[in-house]
Amino acid sequence: MAKAQQGADSTSPDDGLGDVAELSYEQARDELIAIVSQLEGGQLGLEESMRLWRRGEVLAAHCSTWLDGAEAALTEGDEAD
């Protein structure tokens, strides 16, 4: 599992995941929802499921980063008052 976590933290241009950094929160969230739906459908082969799982991990981490930044901005705003 450590290897999967490592993949979620770092991407390289040749792994097909480097574009995630350019997505807005909403784009990443919507794609993650679509991936979860596909995986829950159970109609995919193992390789495709694993590819989608890896992308989902990266998308989830990206969304978390966006939310952490929003929370930090709100916290800073409260402290300024």
N, C-alpha and C. Protein backbone atom coordinates (compact mmCIF):
# COMPACT_ATOMS: atom_id res chain seq x y z
N MET A 1 0.82 -1.20 0.00
CA MET A 1 0.00 0.00 0.00
C MET A 1 0.86 1.25 0.00
N ALA A 2 2.05 1.16 0.56
CA ALA A 2 2.94 2.32 0.56
C ALA A 2 3.25 2.77 -0.85
N LYS A 3 3.36 1.82 -1.76
CA LYS A 3 3.65 2.17 -3.15
C LYS A 3 2.49 2.96 -3.75
N ALA A 4 1.25 2.56 -3.43
CA ALA A 4 0.09 3.29 -3.94
C ALA A 4 0.06 4.70 -3.37
N GLN A 5 0.40 4.85 -2.10
CA GLN A 5 0.43 6.17 -1.48
C GLN A 5 1.49 7.03 -2.13
N GLN A 6 2.65 6.45 -2.42
CA GLN A 6 3.71 7.19 -3.08
C GLN A 6 3.22 7.70 -4.42
N GLY A 7 2.46 6.91 -5.16
CA GLY A 7 1.92 7.32 -6.44
C GLY A 7 0.97 8.48 -6.32
N ALA A 8 0.25 8.56 -5.21
CA ALA A 8 -0.69 9.64 -5.01
C ALA A 8 0.02 10.95 -4.71
N ASP A 9 1.24 10.85 -4.16
CA ASP A 9 1.96 12.05 -3.79
C ASP A 9 2.81 12.62 -4.91
N SER A 10 3.21 11.78 -5.83
CA SER A 10 4.08 12.26 -6.90
C SER A 10 3.62 11.71 -8.24
N THR A 11 3.70 12.55 -9.24
CA THR A 11 3.32 12.12 -10.58
C THR A 11 4.44 12.49 -11.53
N SER A 12 4.54 11.73 -12.60
CA SER A 12 5.50 12.06 -13.64
C SER A 12 4.73 12.22 -14.93
N PRO A 13 5.27 12.97 -15.88
CA PRO A 13 4.55 13.24 -17.11
C PRO A 13 4.13 11.99 -17.86
N ASP A 14 4.87 10.89 -17.72
CA ASP A 14 4.55 9.70 -18.49
C ASP A 14 3.54 8.78 -17.82
N ASP A 15 3.07 9.11 -16.61
CA ASP A 15 2.11 8.23 -15.94
C ASP A 15 0.66 8.64 -16.19
N GLY A 16 0.45 9.70 -16.95
CA GLY A 16 -0.91 10.11 -17.27
C GLY A 16 -1.63 10.82 -16.16
N LEU A 17 -0.93 11.20 -15.10
CA LEU A 17 -1.57 11.83 -13.95
C LEU A 17 -1.12 13.28 -13.74
N GLY A 18 -0.13 13.72 -14.50
CA GLY A 18 0.42 15.06 -14.32
C GLY A 18 -0.56 16.19 -14.57
N ASP A 19 -1.63 15.91 -15.32
CA ASP A 19 -2.60 16.96 -15.62
C ASP A 19 -3.50 17.31 -14.44
N VAL A 20 -3.51 16.50 -13.41
CA VAL A 20 -4.40 16.73 -12.27
C VAL A 20 -4.09 18.06 -11.60
N ALA A 21 -2.84 18.44 -11.53
CA ALA A 21 -2.45 19.69 -10.88
C ALA A 21 -3.09 20.90 -11.53
N GLU A 22 -3.47 20.78 -12.78
CA GLU A 22 -4.07 21.91 -13.51
C GLU A 22 -5.58 21.99 -13.33
N LEU A 23 -6.20 20.99 -12.70
CA LEU A 23 -7.65 20.96 -12.56
C LEU A 23 -8.12 21.84 -11.41
N SER A 24 -9.27 22.44 -11.59
CA SER A 24 -9.90 23.15 -10.48
C SER A 24 -10.45 22.13 -9.49
N TYR A 25 -10.83 22.58 -8.33
CA TYR A 25 -11.42 21.67 -7.34
C TYR A 25 -12.65 20.98 -7.92
N GLU A 26 -13.52 21.75 -8.56
CA GLU A 26 -14.76 21.20 -9.09
C GLU A 26 -14.50 20.16 -10.19
N GLN A 27 -13.53 20.43 -11.05
CA GLN A 27 -13.20 19.48 -12.12
C GLN A 27 -12.67 18.18 -11.52
N ALA A 28 -11.78 18.30 -10.56
CA ALA A 28 -11.21 17.10 -9.92
C ALA A 28 -12.28 16.33 -9.18
N ARG A 29 -13.15 17.02 -8.45
CA ARG A 29 -14.23 16.37 -7.71
C ARG A 29 -15.17 15.63 -8.65
N ASP A 30 -15.54 16.28 -9.74
CA ASP A 30 -16.47 15.65 -10.70
C ASP A 30 -15.85 14.41 -11.34
N GLU A 31 -14.57 14.49 -11.68
CA GLU A 31 -13.91 13.32 -12.26
C GLU A 31 -13.80 12.21 -11.24
N LEU A 32 -13.51 12.56 -9.99
CA LEU A 32 -13.42 11.56 -8.93
C LEU A 32 -14.76 10.86 -8.72
N ILE A 33 -15.85 11.61 -8.76
CA ILE A 33 -17.19 11.03 -8.65
C ILE A 33 -17.45 10.04 -9.78
N ALA A 34 -17.05 10.42 -10.99
CA ALA A 34 -17.24 9.54 -12.14
C ALA A 34 -16.41 8.26 -12.00
N ILE A 35 -15.19 8.38 -11.49
CA ILE A 35 -14.34 7.21 -11.30
C ILE A 35 -14.93 6.27 -10.26
N VAL A 36 -15.41 6.82 -9.16
CA VAL A 36 -16.02 6.00 -8.12
C VAL A 36 -17.22 5.25 -8.69
N SER A 37 -18.01 5.93 -9.48
CA SER A 37 -19.17 5.29 -10.10
C SER A 37 -18.76 4.13 -10.99
N GLN A 38 -17.71 4.34 -11.80
CA GLN A 38 -17.22 3.27 -12.68
C GLN A 38 -16.70 2.09 -11.87
N LEU A 39 -15.96 2.36 -10.83
CA LEU A 39 -15.40 1.29 -10.01
C LEU A 39 -16.50 0.53 -9.28
N GLU A 40 -17.50 1.23 -8.80
CA GLU A 40 -18.61 0.57 -8.12
C GLU A 40 -19.44 -0.29 -9.07
N GLY A 41 -19.42 0.07 -10.35
CA GLY A 41 -20.17 -0.70 -11.34
C GLY A 41 -19.63 -2.10 -11.52
N GLY A 42 -18.36 -2.31 -11.24
CA GLY A 42 -17.76 -3.62 -11.28
C GLY A 42 -17.63 -4.24 -12.67
N GLN A 43 -17.71 -3.45 -13.71
CA GLN A 43 -17.65 -3.99 -15.07
C GLN A 43 -16.28 -3.83 -15.72
N LEU A 44 -15.31 -3.34 -14.98
CA LEU A 44 -13.98 -3.08 -15.54
C LEU A 44 -13.03 -4.23 -15.24
N GLY A 45 -12.05 -4.38 -16.10
CA GLY A 45 -10.99 -5.36 -15.86
C GLY A 45 -10.06 -4.86 -14.76
N LEU A 46 -9.22 -5.76 -14.29
CA LEU A 46 -8.32 -5.44 -13.19
C LEU A 46 -7.37 -4.28 -13.54
N GLU A 47 -6.75 -4.33 -14.71
CA GLU A 47 -5.80 -3.29 -15.08
C GLU A 47 -6.47 -1.91 -15.15
N GLU A 48 -7.64 -1.85 -15.78
CA GLU A 48 -8.36 -0.58 -15.88
C GLU A 48 -8.81 -0.10 -14.50
N SER A 49 -9.25 -1.03 -13.67
CA SER A 49 -9.66 -0.67 -12.31
C SER A 49 -8.49 -0.09 -11.53
N MET A 50 -7.32 -0.70 -11.65
CA MET A 50 -6.14 -0.20 -10.94
C MET A 50 -5.71 1.17 -11.47
N ARG A 51 -5.79 1.35 -12.78
CA ARG A 51 -5.45 2.66 -13.37
C ARG A 51 -6.39 3.74 -12.83
N LEU A 52 -7.68 3.43 -12.81
CA LEU A 52 -8.65 4.39 -12.31
C LEU A 52 -8.46 4.63 -10.81
N TRP A 53 -8.15 3.58 -10.06
CA TRP A 53 -7.92 3.72 -8.63
C TRP A 53 -6.76 4.68 -8.37
N ARG A 54 -5.65 4.49 -9.11
CA ARG A 54 -4.50 5.38 -8.94
C ARG A 54 -4.87 6.82 -9.27
N ARG A 55 -5.59 7.01 -10.36
CA ARG A 55 -6.00 8.38 -10.72
C ARG A 55 -6.93 8.94 -9.64
N GLY A 56 -7.82 8.13 -9.14
CA GLY A 56 -8.71 8.57 -8.07
C GLY A 56 -7.96 9.01 -6.83
N GLU A 57 -6.91 8.28 -6.47
CA GLU A 57 -6.09 8.69 -5.32
C GLU A 57 -5.47 10.06 -5.55
N VAL A 58 -4.96 10.29 -6.75
CA VAL A 58 -4.33 11.57 -7.06
C VAL A 58 -5.38 12.68 -7.05
N LEU A 59 -6.54 12.40 -7.62
CA LEU A 59 -7.63 13.40 -7.62
C LEU A 59 -8.08 13.72 -6.20
N ALA A 60 -8.21 12.69 -5.36
CA ALA A 60 -8.62 12.91 -3.97
C ALA A 60 -7.60 13.76 -3.22
N ALA A 61 -6.32 13.49 -3.45
CA ALA A 61 -5.27 14.29 -2.81
C ALA A 61 -5.32 15.73 -3.29
N HIS A 62 -5.58 15.91 -4.58
CA HIS A 62 -5.68 17.26 -5.16
C HIS A 62 -6.85 18.02 -4.52
N CYS A 63 -7.99 17.35 -4.40
CA CYS A 63 -9.16 17.98 -3.77
C CYS A 63 -8.86 18.33 -2.32
N SER A 64 -8.19 17.44 -1.62
CA SER A 64 -7.83 17.70 -0.23
C SER A 64 -6.93 18.91 -0.10
N THR A 65 -6.00 19.06 -1.02
CA THR A 65 -5.11 20.23 -1.02
C THR A 65 -5.90 21.51 -1.21
N TRP A 66 -6.85 21.49 -2.15
CA TRP A 66 -7.72 22.66 -2.37
C TRP A 66 -8.49 23.00 -1.10
N LEU A 67 -9.08 21.99 -0.46
CA LEU A 67 -9.89 22.22 0.74
C LEU A 67 -9.03 22.70 1.90
N ASP A 68 -7.83 22.14 2.05
CA ASP A 68 -6.92 22.61 3.09
C ASP A 68 -6.57 24.08 2.89
N GLY A 69 -6.34 24.46 1.64
CA GLY A 69 -6.03 25.86 1.34
C GLY A 69 -7.19 26.79 1.66
N ALA A 70 -8.40 26.33 1.33
CA ALA A 70 -9.59 27.14 1.64
C ALA A 70 -9.77 27.28 3.14
N GLU A 71 -9.56 26.19 3.87
CA GLU A 71 -9.68 26.24 5.33
C GLU A 71 -8.65 27.17 5.93
N ALA A 72 -7.43 27.12 5.42
CA ALA A 72 -6.36 27.99 5.91
C ALA A 72 -6.71 29.45 5.66
N ALA A 73 -7.25 29.74 4.48
CA ALA A 73 -7.63 31.12 4.16
C ALA A 73 -8.73 31.61 5.10
N LEU A 74 -9.69 30.75 5.39
CA LEU A 74 -10.77 31.13 6.31
C LEU A 74 -10.25 31.33 7.72
N THR A 75 -9.34 30.48 8.15
CA THR A 75 -8.77 30.59 9.48
C THR A 75 -7.96 31.87 9.60
N GLU A 76 -7.19 32.19 8.58
CA GLU A 76 -6.41 33.44 8.58
C GLU A 76 -7.34 34.64 8.63
N GLY A 77 -8.46 34.56 7.91
CA GLY A 77 -9.43 35.65 7.91
C GLY A 77 -10.05 35.86 9.28
N ASP A 78 -10.32 34.76 9.99
CA ASP A 78 -10.89 34.85 11.34
C ASP A 78 -9.89 35.45 12.32
N GLU A 79 -8.63 35.09 12.15
CA GLU A 79 -7.59 35.61 13.06
C GLU A 79 -7.34 37.09 12.83
N ALA A 80 -7.61 37.58 11.64
CA ALA A 80 -7.38 39.00 11.31
C ALA A 80 -8.47 39.89 11.92
N ASP A 81 -9.61 39.29 12.22
CA ASP A 81 -10.73 40.08 12.78
C ASP A 81 -10.53 40.44 14.19
